[in-house]
Amino acid sequence: MRKLVKLLLAAAAIGFGFLAYVYLTLPNVAELGATNPPTTAFMELRADEARARNVPPRRVQRWVPYSRISSSLKRAVLVAEDGTFWEHDGIDVTQIKESIERDLQKRTFGRGGSTITQQLAKNLYLSPSKNPVRKLRELLIARRMEASLTKTRIFEIYLNVIEWGDGIYGADAAARVYFRKPAADGPFEVFSDLDSRISHYQRILTMFASVTAALLPITAVNVVNVTRSGSSLAFVLPLFVIYFALVATLATQTIRLSRRVRELREQKRVYE
């Protein structure tokens, strides 16, 4: 009995020491209230991975204030990542319970239940590993962030540092890379702009195709007539050169515009 008590006391002491160590080594998140983070754990991790492949690290990022990010983009992120962000205190217990139930049913340890605050804590200070200790630190850092920072500031940092693609960090960088627009132009504005640009290019494409189709038979008929009449080619050759050059130019532009329309449609599919 005494041995069991000693073992329990020793286990309790070890557990207390471990929790104390985890808590005391948590980062100081209060400084984020006035200072933008110059880098994140995920950025450094991606840079190390690139160097390991002998590839130059890529980092596309442009910090923008919360007020200059489109409201529609903010809403889209909240709907996709954390619908109750403004209500919870950094941890969504309901989502965690549902995630645990799914994991138990599938007998896997998948992604689940992470709020925007938790995702930010992981990206700033931790790693993508599924280590339970890492998850504990994530929860503690998230609670500390909620206690030290405003919700708006947490969301602002999130929108500026989260990875949106290979070496692309933040909403503004993503908007410029994928849509050639700043984050101030939200998804709906970008979507509308893509539609108008596709329509514009398609109108030009139709015009080029029509002119090309009209010129080809005219050119062919002229060649036949010159051949039959025995006229001097020296007289009509410059005209044929102009015809063929115009047709080749129109065909080239038609191909280029067709490719551009496909690229714009692909951008729409990426957004959708």
Protein backbone atom coordinates (compact mmCIF):
# COMPACT_ATOMS: atom_id res chain seq x y z
CA MET A 1 0.00 0.00 0.00
CA ARG A 2 2.82 2.37 0.91
CA LYS A 3 4.56 1.62 -2.37
CA LEU A 4 1.39 2.45 -4.28
CA VAL A 5 1.03 5.76 -2.43
CA LYS A 6 4.67 6.60 -3.17
CA LEU A 7 4.17 5.79 -6.84
CA LEU A 8 1.07 7.96 -7.00
CA LEU A 9 2.86 10.83 -5.28
CA ALA A 10 5.84 10.47 -7.61
CA ALA A 11 3.56 10.44 -10.65
CA ALA A 12 1.73 13.50 -9.36
CA ALA A 13 5.02 15.31 -8.77
CA ILE A 14 6.28 14.45 -12.24
CA GLY A 15 2.99 15.56 -13.80
CA PHE A 16 3.01 18.82 -11.85
CA GLY A 17 6.63 19.46 -12.84
CA PHE A 18 5.86 18.77 -16.49
CA LEU A 19 2.85 21.13 -16.50
CA ALA A 20 4.88 23.80 -14.73
CA TYR A 21 7.63 23.46 -17.34
CA VAL A 22 5.13 23.72 -20.20
CA TYR A 23 3.48 26.78 -18.67
CA LEU A 24 6.72 28.58 -17.81
CA THR A 25 8.12 28.09 -21.31
CA LEU A 26 5.08 29.55 -23.07
CA PRO A 27 5.90 32.54 -25.32
CA ASN A 28 5.11 36.11 -24.34
CA VAL A 29 2.10 36.86 -26.53
CA ALA A 30 1.38 40.27 -24.99
CA GLU A 31 4.02 41.88 -27.22
CA LEU A 32 1.87 41.01 -30.23
CA GLY A 33 -0.54 43.71 -29.15
CA ALA A 34 1.78 46.42 -30.48
CA THR A 35 4.29 44.54 -32.67
CA ASN A 36 3.74 42.56 -35.83
CA PRO A 37 5.58 39.22 -35.75
CA PRO A 38 8.58 39.37 -38.13
CA THR A 39 8.32 35.64 -38.81
CA THR A 40 6.53 32.51 -37.65
CA ALA A 41 7.46 28.95 -36.78
CA PHE A 42 5.76 27.75 -39.97
CA MET A 43 7.68 30.24 -42.13
CA GLU A 44 10.96 29.04 -40.64
CA LEU A 45 9.90 25.42 -41.08
CA ARG A 46 9.07 25.96 -44.78
CA ALA A 47 12.39 27.76 -45.26
CA ASP A 48 14.29 24.85 -43.70
CA GLU A 49 12.40 22.39 -45.91
CA ALA A 50 13.29 24.41 -49.01
CA ARG A 51 16.97 24.59 -48.06
CA ALA A 52 16.98 20.84 -47.46
CA ARG A 53 15.85 20.43 -51.09
CA ASN A 54 18.50 22.93 -52.26
CA VAL A 55 15.74 25.32 -53.28
CA PRO A 56 15.74 29.03 -52.38
CA PRO A 57 13.11 29.65 -49.67
CA ARG A 58 10.09 31.50 -50.97
CA ARG A 59 8.28 34.07 -48.87
CA VAL A 60 5.63 36.31 -50.37
CA GLN A 61 4.06 38.48 -47.70
CA ARG A 62 2.73 42.01 -47.39
CA TRP A 63 1.29 43.12 -44.07
CA VAL A 64 -1.93 45.10 -44.27
CA PRO A 65 -3.98 46.58 -41.41
CA TYR A 66 -7.24 44.95 -40.44
CA SER A 67 -9.22 47.94 -41.73
CA ARG A 68 -7.78 47.51 -45.24
CA ILE A 69 -8.88 43.91 -45.64
CA SER A 70 -12.19 43.41 -47.41
CA SER A 71 -15.14 42.61 -45.16
CA SER A 72 -16.33 39.93 -47.58
CA LEU A 73 -12.92 38.25 -47.39
CA LYS A 74 -13.05 38.30 -43.59
CA ARG A 75 -16.51 36.75 -43.62
CA ALA A 76 -15.39 34.07 -46.06
CA VAL A 77 -12.47 33.11 -43.80
CA LEU A 78 -14.69 32.99 -40.72
CA VAL A 79 -17.27 30.79 -42.45
CA ALA A 80 -14.58 28.41 -43.68
CA GLU A 81 -12.40 28.25 -40.56
CA ASP A 82 -14.22 29.33 -37.41
CA GLY A 83 -17.86 30.36 -37.51
CA THR A 84 -18.03 31.09 -33.76
CA PHE A 85 -14.77 33.05 -33.57
CA TRP A 86 -16.35 36.14 -32.02
CA GLU A 87 -18.18 34.10 -29.35
CA HIS A 88 -15.62 31.62 -27.96
CA ASP A 89 -12.59 32.27 -25.73
CA GLY A 90 -10.05 30.69 -28.02
CA ILE A 91 -11.27 27.11 -27.64
CA ASP A 92 -14.48 25.75 -29.15
CA VAL A 93 -15.39 22.89 -26.81
CA THR A 94 -18.26 21.73 -29.02
CA GLN A 95 -15.98 21.40 -32.05
CA ILE A 96 -13.36 19.56 -30.00
CA LYS A 97 -15.96 17.04 -28.79
CA GLU A 98 -17.19 16.45 -32.33
CA SER A 99 -13.61 16.06 -33.55
CA ILE A 100 -12.85 13.48 -30.84
CA GLU A 101 -16.00 11.53 -31.72
CA ARG A 102 -15.02 11.49 -35.42
CA ASP A 103 -11.50 10.34 -34.55
CA LEU A 104 -12.82 7.53 -32.37
CA GLN A 105 -15.20 6.38 -35.09
CA LYS A 106 -12.49 6.43 -37.78
CA ARG A 107 -9.75 5.29 -35.37
CA THR A 108 -7.52 8.06 -36.61
CA PHE A 109 -6.10 11.27 -35.22
CA GLY A 110 -7.12 13.83 -37.78
CA ARG A 111 -7.56 17.54 -37.94
CA GLY A 112 -10.43 18.96 -36.00
CA GLY A 113 -11.88 21.58 -33.75
CA SER A 114 -9.07 24.12 -34.09
CA THR A 115 -10.26 27.69 -33.79
CA ILE A 116 -8.63 30.62 -35.56
CA THR A 117 -6.85 31.46 -32.30
CA GLN A 118 -5.48 27.91 -32.01
CA GLN A 119 -4.37 27.92 -35.65
CA LEU A 120 -2.59 31.21 -35.08
CA ALA A 121 -0.86 29.88 -31.94
CA LYS A 122 0.33 26.83 -33.86
CA ASN A 123 1.57 28.86 -36.84
CA LEU A 124 3.37 31.46 -34.75
CA TYR A 125 5.11 29.26 -32.21
CA LEU A 126 4.69 25.54 -32.82
CA SER A 127 4.72 22.94 -35.61
CA PRO A 128 2.21 20.92 -37.64
CA SER A 129 2.97 17.75 -35.68
CA LYS A 130 0.11 15.90 -33.95
CA ASN A 131 2.06 15.42 -30.73
CA PRO A 132 -0.26 15.66 -27.69
CA VAL A 133 2.27 17.90 -25.93
CA ARG A 134 2.22 20.26 -28.90
CA LYS A 135 -1.59 20.28 -28.76
CA LEU A 136 -1.49 21.12 -25.05
CA ARG A 137 0.86 24.02 -25.68
CA GLU A 138 -1.41 25.20 -28.50
CA LEU A 139 -4.42 25.28 -26.17
CA LEU A 140 -2.52 27.16 -23.46
CA ILE A 141 -1.09 29.70 -25.91
CA ALA A 142 -4.54 30.22 -27.43
CA ARG A 143 -6.04 30.96 -24.03
CA ARG A 144 -3.18 33.32 -23.24
CA MET A 145 -3.68 35.14 -26.54
CA GLU A 146 -7.38 35.56 -25.86
CA ALA A 147 -6.56 37.04 -22.46
CA SER A 148 -3.87 39.40 -23.75
CA LEU A 149 -5.11 40.51 -27.17
CA THR A 150 -8.36 41.74 -28.65
CA LYS A 151 -10.31 39.54 -31.02
CA THR A 152 -9.71 42.02 -33.82
CA ARG A 153 -5.95 41.93 -33.27
CA ILE A 154 -5.91 38.13 -33.23
CA PHE A 155 -7.83 38.03 -36.50
CA GLU A 156 -5.61 40.71 -38.04
CA ILE A 157 -2.44 38.73 -37.28
CA TYR A 158 -4.06 35.54 -38.54
CA LEU A 159 -5.02 37.15 -41.85
CA ASN A 160 -1.45 38.37 -42.33
CA VAL A 161 0.64 35.30 -41.43
CA ILE A 162 -1.37 32.18 -42.28
CA GLU A 163 -0.02 30.16 -45.21
CA TRP A 164 -2.21 30.43 -48.32
CA GLY A 165 -0.01 28.46 -50.70
CA ASP A 166 3.61 27.56 -51.36
CA GLY A 167 5.54 30.41 -49.74
CA ILE A 168 2.48 32.69 -49.78
CA TYR A 169 1.62 34.19 -46.40
CA GLY A 170 -1.29 36.44 -45.60
CA ALA A 171 -4.49 37.48 -47.33
CA ASP A 172 -2.98 40.35 -49.30
CA ALA A 173 -0.18 38.25 -50.76
CA ALA A 174 -2.68 35.54 -51.69
CA ALA A 175 -5.06 38.03 -53.31
CA ARG A 176 -2.25 39.55 -55.37
CA VAL A 177 -0.76 36.21 -56.44
CA TYR A 178 -4.02 34.44 -57.29
CA PHE A 179 -6.23 37.34 -58.39
CA ARG A 180 -3.81 40.22 -59.04
CA LYS A 181 -5.80 42.33 -56.62
CA PRO A 182 -5.07 43.65 -53.10
CA ALA A 183 -6.88 42.21 -50.11
CA ALA A 184 -8.96 45.38 -49.98
CA ASP A 185 -10.82 43.94 -52.99
CA GLY A 186 -12.73 41.05 -51.48
CA PRO A 187 -13.64 37.72 -53.04
CA PHE A 188 -16.91 38.98 -54.49
CA GLU A 189 -15.21 42.00 -56.06
CA VAL A 190 -12.46 39.76 -57.46
CA PHE A 191 -15.02 37.27 -58.72
CA SER A 192 -16.93 40.01 -60.52
CA ASP A 193 -13.70 41.39 -61.97
CA LEU A 194 -12.74 37.97 -63.32
CA ASP A 195 -16.14 37.66 -65.00
CA SER A 196 -15.78 41.05 -66.68
CA ARG A 197 -12.24 40.31 -67.86
CA ILE A 198 -13.27 36.93 -69.28
CA SER A 199 -16.18 38.57 -71.13
CA HIS A 200 -13.86 41.29 -72.46
CA TYR A 201 -11.32 38.79 -73.78
CA GLN A 202 -14.04 36.61 -75.27
CA ARG A 203 -15.44 39.56 -77.25
CA ILE A 204 -12.00 40.32 -78.67
CA LEU A 205 -11.45 36.62 -79.31
CA THR A 206 -14.71 36.37 -81.27
CA MET A 207 -13.78 39.43 -83.34
CA PHE A 208 -10.30 38.06 -84.15
CA ALA A 209 -11.73 34.67 -85.07
CA SER A 210 -14.32 36.28 -87.38
CA VAL A 211 -11.77 38.46 -89.16
CA THR A 212 -9.39 35.51 -89.57
CA ALA A 213 -12.17 33.32 -90.95
CA ALA A 214 -13.11 36.06 -93.43
CA LEU A 215 -9.56 36.68 -94.63
CA LEU A 216 -8.61 33.06 -95.24
CA PRO A 217 -11.02 32.38 -98.12
CA ILE A 218 -10.33 35.81 -99.63
CA THR A 219 -6.61 35.04 -99.65
CA ALA A 220 -7.17 31.59 -101.13
CA VAL A 221 -9.39 32.97 -103.91
CA ASN A 222 -6.82 35.64 -104.80
CA VAL A 223 -4.06 33.02 -105.05
CA VAL A 224 -6.19 30.93 -107.42
CA ASN A 225 -7.09 33.95 -109.57
CA VAL A 226 -3.49 35.07 -109.88
CA THR A 227 -2.40 31.56 -110.82
CA ARG A 228 -5.07 31.25 -113.53
CA SER A 229 -4.54 34.70 -115.00
CA GLY A 230 -0.80 34.35 -115.18
CA SER A 231 -0.33 37.77 -113.58
CA SER A 232 3.10 38.70 -112.38
CA LEU A 233 3.67 37.46 -108.85
CA ALA A 234 6.03 40.37 -108.31
CA PHE A 235 3.00 42.64 -108.59
CA VAL A 236 0.70 40.82 -106.16
CA LEU A 237 3.28 39.18 -103.86
CA PRO A 238 3.46 42.15 -101.44
CA LEU A 239 -0.33 42.01 -101.11
CA PHE A 240 -0.21 38.29 -100.32
CA VAL A 241 2.56 38.86 -97.77
CA ILE A 242 0.41 41.46 -96.04
CA TYR A 243 -2.59 39.13 -96.09
CA PHE A 244 -0.65 36.20 -94.66
CA ALA A 245 1.09 38.37 -92.04
CA LEU A 246 -2.28 39.73 -90.91
CA VAL A 247 -3.79 36.25 -90.75
CA ALA A 248 -0.77 34.91 -88.81
CA THR A 249 -0.94 37.84 -86.37
CA LEU A 250 -4.65 37.34 -85.78
CA ALA A 251 -4.18 33.61 -85.30
CA THR A 252 -1.37 34.21 -82.80
CA GLN A 253 -3.45 36.71 -80.86
CA THR A 254 -6.41 34.32 -80.93
CA ILE A 255 -4.29 31.57 -79.37
CA ARG A 256 -2.87 33.96 -76.76
CA LEU A 257 -6.30 35.24 -75.78
CA SER A 258 -7.71 31.71 -75.63
CA ARG A 259 -4.93 30.79 -73.20
CA ARG A 260 -5.65 33.89 -71.12
CA VAL A 261 -9.35 33.04 -70.91
CA ARG A 262 -8.48 29.52 -69.73
CA GLU A 263 -6.19 31.00 -67.05
CA LEU A 264 -8.94 33.33 -65.82
CA ARG A 265 -11.45 30.49 -65.69
CA GLU A 266 -8.95 28.43 -63.71
CA GLN A 267 -8.65 31.31 -61.23
CA LYS A 268 -12.42 31.27 -60.83
CA ARG A 269 -12.36 27.53 -60.16
CA VAL A 270 -9.62 28.00 -57.55
CA TYR A 271 -11.76 30.57 -55.75
CA GLU A 272 -14.99 28.59 -56.06
